[in-house]
Amino acid sequence: MTRLSPETRGRDSDIVQLAAFRVGSEEYVVDIMRVREILRPLPITRVRKGPKYVEGVISLRGQVIPIVDLRRRFDVTAEEHRLRKIIILMIDGRVLGLVVDGMTEVVRVPRGEIRAAPGLLGADRAPYFLGVVQYRGRTLILLNVKNIVGSDEAIGAPSAAELAEGLT
């Protein structure tokens, strides 16, 4: 059902750790085993040609890292946010950064609580969202970052309210 990294695979009772963050009014999670570090915004060098959601690149300890703005990727109004962060991730041996509106917390949940949501099963959304988890009264959407950054197609990000209705 869910496709997590090899480090977090196991039985349904295994505890999975997810890094939670906000983009616009929604809250998302990624497998914490993919997160290398979380940074305050750094100067970003724009790139002329490339997908509109690639904000540019940063230089981090001598390494050039592409930066993807999830607000642009999900077609959420991009506005400056004082809690804005860059999450540095390792995806299939590549390092990249995601611009998010703010980090919320590390979520620890049993693997069995990560469920497919009916609103994510449409052909246009299935490759980008792995599932949802209910956590402390919130609906968190688990992202498939590899597919999000590997496609140029428009992604209509679902709302937590839409997903919560499908889970009840």
N, C-alpha and C. Protein backbone atom coordinates (compact mmCIF):
# COMPACT_ATOMS: atom_id res chain seq x y z
N MET A 1 0.82 -1.19 0.00
CA MET A 1 0.00 0.00 0.00
C MET A 1 0.87 1.25 0.00
N THR A 2 1.74 1.41 1.00
CA THR A 2 2.63 2.56 1.01
C THR A 2 4.00 2.14 0.55
N ARG A 3 4.73 3.06 -0.04
CA ARG A 3 6.06 2.76 -0.53
C ARG A 3 7.05 3.67 0.19
N LEU A 4 7.57 3.20 1.30
CA LEU A 4 8.54 3.96 2.07
C LEU A 4 9.93 3.45 1.75
N SER A 5 10.92 4.19 2.15
CA SER A 5 12.31 3.81 1.88
C SER A 5 12.64 2.48 2.58
N PRO A 6 13.67 1.79 2.11
CA PRO A 6 14.03 0.51 2.71
C PRO A 6 14.30 0.60 4.21
N GLU A 7 14.77 1.75 4.68
CA GLU A 7 15.08 1.90 6.09
C GLU A 7 13.85 1.82 6.98
N THR A 8 12.67 2.11 6.41
CA THR A 8 11.47 2.14 7.24
C THR A 8 10.49 1.01 6.92
N ARG A 9 10.88 0.09 6.04
CA ARG A 9 9.98 -1.02 5.72
C ARG A 9 9.93 -2.00 6.87
N GLY A 10 8.80 -2.66 7.02
CA GLY A 10 8.67 -3.64 8.08
C GLY A 10 7.22 -3.99 8.30
N ARG A 11 6.95 -4.46 9.50
CA ARG A 11 5.58 -4.86 9.83
C ARG A 11 4.71 -3.65 10.11
N ASP A 12 3.37 -3.88 10.10
CA ASP A 12 2.42 -2.81 10.34
C ASP A 12 2.57 -2.18 11.71
N SER A 13 3.11 -2.90 12.68
CA SER A 13 3.26 -2.35 14.03
C SER A 13 4.55 -1.56 14.19
N ASP A 14 5.46 -1.65 13.21
CA ASP A 14 6.70 -0.88 13.27
C ASP A 14 6.38 0.61 13.33
N ILE A 15 7.19 1.34 14.07
CA ILE A 15 7.01 2.78 14.17
C ILE A 15 7.75 3.44 13.01
N VAL A 16 7.07 4.33 12.31
CA VAL A 16 7.62 5.08 11.21
C VAL A 16 7.77 6.53 11.68
N GLN A 17 8.90 7.13 11.37
CA GLN A 17 9.11 8.53 11.71
C GLN A 17 9.00 9.36 10.44
N LEU A 18 8.18 10.39 10.51
CA LEU A 18 7.92 11.25 9.36
C LEU A 18 8.18 12.70 9.75
N ALA A 19 8.80 13.45 8.86
CA ALA A 19 9.02 14.88 9.08
C ALA A 19 7.81 15.62 8.54
N ALA A 20 7.15 16.39 9.40
CA ALA A 20 5.92 17.10 9.02
C ALA A 20 6.24 18.57 8.76
N PHE A 21 5.59 19.12 7.73
CA PHE A 21 5.79 20.52 7.35
C PHE A 21 4.55 21.06 6.67
N ARG A 22 4.48 22.38 6.58
CA ARG A 22 3.35 23.05 5.95
C ARG A 22 3.74 23.63 4.60
N VAL A 23 2.79 23.54 3.68
CA VAL A 23 2.85 24.23 2.40
C VAL A 23 1.47 24.84 2.22
N GLY A 24 1.40 26.16 2.27
CA GLY A 24 0.09 26.81 2.24
C GLY A 24 -0.66 26.42 3.51
N SER A 25 -1.91 26.01 3.34
CA SER A 25 -2.73 25.65 4.51
C SER A 25 -2.72 24.16 4.80
N GLU A 26 -1.98 23.38 4.02
CA GLU A 26 -1.96 21.93 4.19
C GLU A 26 -0.67 21.48 4.89
N GLU A 27 -0.76 20.29 5.50
CA GLU A 27 0.39 19.72 6.19
C GLU A 27 0.76 18.39 5.51
N TYR A 28 2.04 18.25 5.22
CA TYR A 28 2.57 17.09 4.52
C TYR A 28 3.63 16.42 5.36
N VAL A 29 3.97 15.18 4.99
CA VAL A 29 5.05 14.45 5.65
C VAL A 29 5.89 13.73 4.61
N VAL A 30 7.16 13.55 4.97
CA VAL A 30 8.08 12.72 4.19
C VAL A 30 8.80 11.80 5.16
N ASP A 31 9.28 10.71 4.65
CA ASP A 31 10.04 9.74 5.44
C ASP A 31 11.28 10.44 5.99
N ILE A 32 11.44 10.45 7.29
CA ILE A 32 12.56 11.17 7.91
C ILE A 32 13.91 10.59 7.51
N MET A 33 13.94 9.34 7.09
CA MET A 33 15.20 8.74 6.68
C MET A 33 15.75 9.37 5.40
N ARG A 34 14.93 10.10 4.68
CA ARG A 34 15.38 10.80 3.48
C ARG A 34 15.92 12.20 3.79
N VAL A 35 15.60 12.73 4.97
CA VAL A 35 15.97 14.09 5.32
C VAL A 35 17.42 14.13 5.80
N ARG A 36 18.22 14.97 5.16
CA ARG A 36 19.63 15.15 5.57
C ARG A 36 19.76 16.30 6.55
N GLU A 37 19.05 17.40 6.28
CA GLU A 37 19.07 18.54 7.19
C GLU A 37 17.97 19.51 6.82
N ILE A 38 17.73 20.45 7.73
CA ILE A 38 16.72 21.48 7.52
C ILE A 38 17.43 22.82 7.71
N LEU A 39 17.26 23.70 6.73
CA LEU A 39 17.98 24.97 6.71
C LEU A 39 17.05 26.16 6.72
N ARG A 40 17.55 27.27 7.25
CA ARG A 40 16.90 28.56 7.02
C ARG A 40 17.14 28.90 5.56
N PRO A 41 16.32 29.75 4.98
CA PRO A 41 16.53 30.11 3.58
C PRO A 41 17.94 30.66 3.33
N LEU A 42 18.52 30.21 2.24
CA LEU A 42 19.84 30.65 1.79
C LEU A 42 19.65 31.40 0.48
N PRO A 43 20.65 32.16 0.07
CA PRO A 43 20.56 32.80 -1.25
C PRO A 43 20.44 31.72 -2.34
N ILE A 44 19.46 31.89 -3.19
CA ILE A 44 19.22 30.92 -4.26
C ILE A 44 19.60 31.57 -5.59
N THR A 45 20.41 30.87 -6.35
CA THR A 45 20.79 31.33 -7.68
C THR A 45 19.76 30.82 -8.66
N ARG A 46 19.11 31.72 -9.35
CA ARG A 46 18.08 31.35 -10.33
C ARG A 46 18.70 30.63 -11.52
N VAL A 47 17.94 29.73 -12.10
CA VAL A 47 18.36 29.06 -13.33
C VAL A 47 17.41 29.50 -14.43
N ARG A 48 17.97 29.75 -15.60
CA ARG A 48 17.15 30.31 -16.68
C ARG A 48 16.18 29.30 -17.28
N LYS A 49 16.67 28.13 -17.55
CA LYS A 49 15.81 27.14 -18.20
C LYS A 49 15.56 26.02 -17.22
N GLY A 50 14.34 25.59 -17.16
CA GLY A 50 13.97 24.52 -16.25
C GLY A 50 12.51 24.66 -15.88
N PRO A 51 12.00 23.68 -15.18
CA PRO A 51 10.60 23.75 -14.76
C PRO A 51 10.33 24.97 -13.89
N LYS A 52 9.12 25.52 -13.98
CA LYS A 52 8.80 26.74 -13.24
C LYS A 52 8.85 26.54 -11.73
N TYR A 53 8.72 25.30 -11.27
CA TYR A 53 8.74 25.06 -9.83
C TYR A 53 10.16 24.93 -9.26
N VAL A 54 11.17 24.87 -10.13
CA VAL A 54 12.55 24.85 -9.65
C VAL A 54 12.95 26.31 -9.40
N GLU A 55 13.15 26.64 -8.15
CA GLU A 55 13.47 28.01 -7.79
C GLU A 55 14.89 28.38 -8.19
N GLY A 56 15.78 27.40 -8.20
CA GLY A 56 17.17 27.63 -8.56
C GLY A 56 18.05 26.62 -7.87
N VAL A 57 19.28 27.05 -7.55
CA VAL A 57 20.22 26.16 -6.87
C VAL A 57 20.87 26.92 -5.72
N ILE A 58 21.34 26.15 -4.72
CA ILE A 58 22.12 26.73 -3.64
C ILE A 58 23.47 26.01 -3.60
N SER A 59 24.43 26.66 -3.00
CA SER A 59 25.71 26.03 -2.76
C SER A 59 25.78 25.75 -1.26
N LEU A 60 25.89 24.48 -0.93
CA LEU A 60 25.93 24.07 0.47
C LEU A 60 27.20 23.24 0.69
N ARG A 61 28.14 23.82 1.41
CA ARG A 61 29.42 23.16 1.68
C ARG A 61 30.06 22.64 0.40
N GLY A 62 30.04 23.48 -0.64
CA GLY A 62 30.69 23.15 -1.90
C GLY A 62 29.86 22.30 -2.85
N GLN A 63 28.67 21.87 -2.44
CA GLN A 63 27.80 21.05 -3.29
C GLN A 63 26.68 21.92 -3.84
N VAL A 64 26.42 21.84 -5.15
CA VAL A 64 25.33 22.58 -5.78
C VAL A 64 24.08 21.72 -5.69
N ILE A 65 23.02 22.30 -5.09
CA ILE A 65 21.79 21.54 -4.82
C ILE A 65 20.61 22.24 -5.46
N PRO A 66 19.84 21.53 -6.32
CA PRO A 66 18.63 22.15 -6.89
C PRO A 66 17.57 22.34 -5.80
N ILE A 67 16.82 23.43 -5.91
CA ILE A 67 15.81 23.77 -4.93
C ILE A 67 14.44 23.82 -5.61
N VAL A 68 13.52 23.00 -5.11
CA VAL A 68 12.16 22.92 -5.63
C VAL A 68 11.23 23.63 -4.65
N ASP A 69 10.45 24.56 -5.14
CA ASP A 69 9.48 25.27 -4.32
C ASP A 69 8.16 24.50 -4.36
N LEU A 70 7.80 23.87 -3.26
CA LEU A 70 6.56 23.07 -3.24
C LEU A 70 5.32 23.93 -3.41
N ARG A 71 5.38 25.19 -3.05
CA ARG A 71 4.23 26.06 -3.27
C ARG A 71 3.97 26.20 -4.76
N ARG A 72 5.02 26.42 -5.53
CA ARG A 72 4.85 26.49 -6.98
C ARG A 72 4.43 25.14 -7.55
N ARG A 73 5.03 24.07 -7.02
CA ARG A 73 4.73 22.73 -7.54
C ARG A 73 3.28 22.35 -7.34
N PHE A 74 2.71 22.77 -6.21
CA PHE A 74 1.31 22.45 -5.91
C PHE A 74 0.36 23.57 -6.30
N ASP A 75 0.87 24.57 -6.99
CA ASP A 75 0.08 25.72 -7.44
C ASP A 75 -0.62 26.42 -6.26
N VAL A 76 0.15 26.62 -5.20
CA VAL A 76 -0.32 27.34 -4.03
C VAL A 76 0.27 28.75 -4.13
N THR A 77 -0.51 29.75 -3.79
CA THR A 77 -0.03 31.11 -3.86
C THR A 77 1.27 31.25 -3.08
N ALA A 78 2.31 31.65 -3.79
CA ALA A 78 3.63 31.81 -3.16
C ALA A 78 3.69 33.18 -2.50
N GLU A 79 3.89 33.17 -1.21
CA GLU A 79 4.06 34.42 -0.48
C GLU A 79 5.19 34.22 0.51
N GLU A 80 5.85 35.29 0.84
CA GLU A 80 6.96 35.18 1.78
C GLU A 80 6.42 34.79 3.15
N HIS A 81 7.10 33.91 3.78
CA HIS A 81 6.68 33.40 5.08
C HIS A 81 7.89 33.39 5.99
N ARG A 82 7.78 33.95 7.16
CA ARG A 82 8.94 34.09 8.03
C ARG A 82 9.47 32.76 8.55
N LEU A 83 8.65 31.71 8.54
CA LEU A 83 9.09 30.40 9.02
C LEU A 83 9.58 29.50 7.89
N ARG A 84 9.66 30.04 6.71
CA ARG A 84 10.06 29.28 5.53
C ARG A 84 11.37 28.53 5.78
N LYS A 85 11.43 27.29 5.32
CA LYS A 85 12.61 26.43 5.50
C LYS A 85 12.93 25.72 4.19
N ILE A 86 14.15 25.21 4.13
CA ILE A 86 14.57 24.35 3.02
C ILE A 86 14.90 23.00 3.63
N ILE A 87 14.21 21.96 3.16
CA ILE A 87 14.48 20.60 3.61
C ILE A 87 15.41 19.97 2.59
N ILE A 88 16.59 19.55 3.03
CA ILE A 88 17.54 18.89 2.14
C ILE A 88 17.28 17.39 2.24
N LEU A 89 16.99 16.78 1.10
CA LEU A 89 16.63 15.36 1.03
C LEU A 89 17.59 14.60 0.12
N MET A 90 17.66 13.30 0.36
CA MET A 90 18.38 12.38 -0.52
C MET A 90 17.32 11.51 -1.19
N ILE A 91 17.22 11.62 -2.51
CA ILE A 91 16.25 10.85 -3.28
C ILE A 91 16.99 10.09 -4.37
N ASP A 92 17.01 8.77 -4.28
CA ASP A 92 17.68 7.93 -5.27
C ASP A 92 19.11 8.40 -5.55
N GLY A 93 19.86 8.69 -4.50
CA GLY A 93 21.24 9.09 -4.65
C GLY A 93 21.46 10.54 -5.03
N ARG A 94 20.38 11.28 -5.26
CA ARG A 94 20.48 12.70 -5.60
C ARG A 94 20.09 13.54 -4.39
N VAL A 95 20.77 14.64 -4.21
CA VAL A 95 20.45 15.57 -3.13
C VAL A 95 19.64 16.71 -3.74
N LEU A 96 18.56 17.08 -3.08
CA LEU A 96 17.77 18.22 -3.52
C LEU A 96 17.13 18.88 -2.32
N GLY A 97 16.67 20.10 -2.53
CA GLY A 97 16.03 20.84 -1.46
C GLY A 97 14.59 21.15 -1.80
N LEU A 98 13.75 21.15 -0.79
CA LEU A 98 12.35 21.53 -0.94
C LEU A 98 12.09 22.77 -0.10
N VAL A 99 11.52 23.79 -0.71
CA VAL A 99 11.13 24.99 0.03
C VAL A 99 9.72 24.74 0.57
N VAL A 100 9.58 24.90 1.89
CA VAL A 100 8.29 24.72 2.56
C VAL A 100 8.01 25.95 3.42
N ASP A 101 6.78 26.11 3.83
CA ASP A 101 6.40 27.28 4.62
C ASP A 101 6.79 27.16 6.08
N GLY A 102 7.10 25.98 6.55
CA GLY A 102 7.54 25.81 7.93
C GLY A 102 7.49 24.36 8.34
N MET A 103 8.39 23.99 9.22
CA MET A 103 8.41 22.64 9.80
C MET A 103 7.45 22.63 10.98
N THR A 104 6.82 21.48 11.20
CA THR A 104 5.93 21.38 12.36
C THR A 104 6.50 20.45 13.42
N GLU A 105 6.80 19.22 13.06
CA GLU A 105 7.32 18.28 14.06
C GLU A 105 7.74 16.98 13.40
N VAL A 106 8.35 16.11 14.19
CA VAL A 106 8.61 14.73 13.76
C VAL A 106 7.45 13.90 14.30
N VAL A 107 6.80 13.18 13.41
CA VAL A 107 5.63 12.37 13.74
C VAL A 107 6.06 10.91 13.81
N ARG A 108 5.71 10.26 14.90
CA ARG A 108 5.99 8.83 15.06
C ARG A 108 4.66 8.09 15.09
N VAL A 109 4.43 7.23 14.09
CA VAL A 109 3.18 6.49 14.00
C VAL A 109 3.45 5.04 13.60
N PRO A 110 2.58 4.13 14.03
CA PRO A 110 2.70 2.75 13.53
C PRO A 110 2.45 2.73 12.02
N ARG A 111 3.24 1.94 11.31
CA ARG A 111 3.11 1.84 9.85
C ARG A 111 1.68 1.55 9.41
N GLY A 112 0.96 0.75 10.19
CA GLY A 112 -0.41 0.39 9.84
C GLY A 112 -1.38 1.55 9.83
N GLU A 113 -1.00 2.68 10.44
CA GLU A 113 -1.88 3.85 10.45
C GLU A 113 -1.75 4.70 9.20
N ILE A 114 -0.77 4.40 8.34
CA ILE A 114 -0.65 5.10 7.06
C ILE A 114 -1.58 4.39 6.09
N ARG A 115 -2.56 5.14 5.59
CA ARG A 115 -3.59 4.52 4.75
C ARG A 115 -3.71 5.22 3.41
N ALA A 116 -4.15 4.47 2.44
CA ALA A 116 -4.49 5.07 1.15
C ALA A 116 -5.77 5.88 1.36
N ALA A 117 -5.86 6.98 0.69
CA ALA A 117 -7.06 7.80 0.79
C ALA A 117 -7.76 7.79 -0.55
N PRO A 118 -9.10 7.64 -0.55
CA PRO A 118 -9.82 7.61 -1.82
C PRO A 118 -9.52 8.81 -2.71
N GLY A 119 -9.32 9.99 -2.12
CA GLY A 119 -9.04 11.19 -2.89
C GLY A 119 -7.68 11.19 -3.55
N LEU A 120 -6.82 10.26 -3.16
CA LEU A 120 -5.47 10.18 -3.74
C LEU A 120 -5.37 9.12 -4.82
N LEU A 121 -6.43 8.37 -5.01
CA LEU A 121 -6.34 7.22 -5.90
C LEU A 121 -6.61 7.55 -7.36
N GLY A 122 -7.04 8.78 -7.68
CA GLY A 122 -7.25 9.16 -9.07
C GLY A 122 -5.93 9.12 -9.82
N ALA A 123 -6.00 8.84 -11.11
CA ALA A 123 -4.80 8.70 -11.92
C ALA A 123 -3.93 9.94 -11.89
N ASP A 124 -4.54 11.13 -11.74
CA ASP A 124 -3.75 12.35 -11.75
C ASP A 124 -3.01 12.59 -10.44
N ARG A 125 -3.41 11.94 -9.35
CA ARG A 125 -2.78 12.17 -8.05
C ARG A 125 -1.98 10.98 -7.54
N ALA A 126 -2.32 9.79 -7.94
CA ALA A 126 -1.73 8.58 -7.38
C ALA A 126 -0.20 8.56 -7.39
N PRO A 127 0.46 9.03 -8.42
CA PRO A 127 1.92 8.94 -8.40
C PRO A 127 2.61 9.88 -7.39
N TYR A 128 1.92 10.89 -6.92
CA TYR A 128 2.55 11.93 -6.12
C TYR A 128 2.29 11.83 -4.62
N PHE A 129 1.23 11.16 -4.23
CA PHE A 129 0.84 11.09 -2.84
C PHE A 129 0.68 9.62 -2.44
N LEU A 130 1.48 9.19 -1.46
CA LEU A 130 1.51 7.79 -1.08
C LEU A 130 0.38 7.39 -0.14
N GLY A 131 -0.13 8.32 0.62
CA GLY A 131 -1.19 8.01 1.57
C GLY A 131 -1.38 9.13 2.56
N VAL A 132 -2.15 8.84 3.58
CA VAL A 132 -2.42 9.82 4.63
C VAL A 132 -2.33 9.14 5.99
N VAL A 133 -2.12 9.97 6.99
CA VAL A 133 -2.11 9.47 8.36
C VAL A 133 -2.87 10.49 9.22
N GLN A 134 -3.71 9.99 10.08
CA GLN A 134 -4.38 10.84 11.06
C GLN A 134 -3.47 10.92 12.28
N TYR A 135 -3.17 12.15 12.70
CA TYR A 135 -2.26 12.32 13.81
C TYR A 135 -2.71 13.52 14.64
N ARG A 136 -3.06 13.25 15.89
CA ARG A 136 -3.49 14.30 16.81
C ARG A 136 -4.54 15.23 16.20
N GLY A 137 -5.53 14.63 15.56
CA GLY A 137 -6.63 15.39 14.98
C GLY A 137 -6.32 16.05 13.66
N ARG A 138 -5.15 15.78 13.08
CA ARG A 138 -4.77 16.39 11.80
C ARG A 138 -4.64 15.29 10.75
N THR A 139 -4.90 15.65 9.50
CA THR A 139 -4.70 14.75 8.38
C THR A 139 -3.41 15.16 7.69
N LEU A 140 -2.42 14.27 7.73
CA LEU A 140 -1.11 14.53 7.13
C LEU A 140 -1.00 13.74 5.83
N ILE A 141 -0.52 14.38 4.78
CA ILE A 141 -0.43 13.76 3.46
C ILE A 141 1.01 13.33 3.21
N LEU A 142 1.22 12.04 2.95
CA LEU A 142 2.55 11.48 2.71
C LEU A 142 2.91 11.67 1.23
N LEU A 143 4.02 12.37 1.00
CA LEU A 143 4.45 12.70 -0.36
C LEU A 143 5.39 11.65 -0.95
N ASN A 144 5.29 11.47 -2.27
CA ASN A 144 6.26 10.70 -3.04
C ASN A 144 7.14 11.72 -3.74
N VAL A 145 8.19 12.16 -3.05
CA VAL A 145 9.03 13.25 -3.54
C VAL A 145 9.68 12.89 -4.88
N LYS A 146 10.08 11.65 -5.03
CA LYS A 146 10.73 11.23 -6.28
C LYS A 146 9.85 11.55 -7.48
N ASN A 147 8.58 11.23 -7.40
CA ASN A 147 7.67 11.49 -8.52
C ASN A 147 7.32 12.98 -8.63
N ILE A 148 7.25 13.66 -7.51
CA ILE A 148 6.91 15.09 -7.54
C ILE A 148 7.97 15.88 -8.29
N VAL A 149 9.24 15.57 -8.04
CA VAL A 149 10.30 16.32 -8.72
C VAL A 149 10.68 15.72 -10.07
N GLY A 150 10.22 14.51 -10.34
CA GLY A 150 10.57 13.85 -11.59
C GLY A 150 9.58 14.05 -12.71
N SER A 151 8.54 14.83 -12.48
CA SER A 151 7.50 15.04 -13.48
C SER A 151 7.30 16.53 -13.70
N ASP A 152 6.92 16.89 -14.92
CA ASP A 152 6.59 18.29 -15.23
C ASP A 152 5.09 18.51 -15.26
N GLU A 153 4.30 17.46 -15.03
CA GLU A 153 2.85 17.60 -15.07
C GLU A 153 2.36 18.45 -13.90
N ALA A 154 1.25 19.13 -14.11
CA ALA A 154 0.63 19.91 -13.04
C ALA A 154 0.12 18.95 -11.96
N ILE A 155 0.32 19.35 -10.71
CA ILE A 155 -0.13 18.52 -9.60
C ILE A 155 -1.19 19.29 -8.84
N GLY A 156 -2.38 18.74 -8.80
CA GLY A 156 -3.46 19.33 -8.01
C GLY A 156 -3.39 18.75 -6.61
N ALA A 157 -2.79 19.48 -5.69
CA ALA A 157 -2.64 18.98 -4.32
C ALA A 157 -4.00 18.88 -3.65
N PRO A 158 -4.31 17.73 -3.05
CA PRO A 158 -5.59 17.57 -2.36
C PRO A 158 -5.59 18.33 -1.04
N SER A 159 -6.77 18.67 -0.57
CA SER A 159 -6.86 19.31 0.74
C SER A 159 -7.07 18.24 1.80
N ALA A 160 -6.62 18.52 3.01
CA ALA A 160 -6.78 17.58 4.12
C ALA A 160 -8.26 17.32 4.37
N ALA A 161 -9.10 18.34 4.24
CA ALA A 161 -10.54 18.18 4.46
C ALA A 161 -11.11 17.19 3.45
N GLU A 162 -10.71 17.32 2.22
CA GLU A 162 -11.17 16.41 1.16
C GLU A 162 -10.77 14.97 1.48
N LEU A 163 -9.55 14.78 1.96
CA LEU A 163 -9.06 13.45 2.28
C LEU A 163 -9.72 12.88 3.54
N ALA A 164 -9.94 13.72 4.54
CA ALA A 164 -10.54 13.27 5.78
C ALA A 164 -11.96 12.75 5.55
N GLU A 165 -12.69 13.39 4.63
CA GLU A 165 -14.04 12.93 4.30
C GLU A 165 -14.01 11.52 3.73
N GLY A 166 -13.03 11.24 2.88
CA GLY A 166 -12.92 9.93 2.27
C GLY A 166 -12.49 8.83 3.22
N LEU A 167 -11.93 9.21 4.37
CA LEU A 167 -11.45 8.21 5.34
C LEU A 167 -12.50 7.81 6.33
N THR A 168 -13.55 8.60 6.47
CA THR A 168 -14.55 8.29 7.49
C THR A 168 -15.60 7.34 6.97
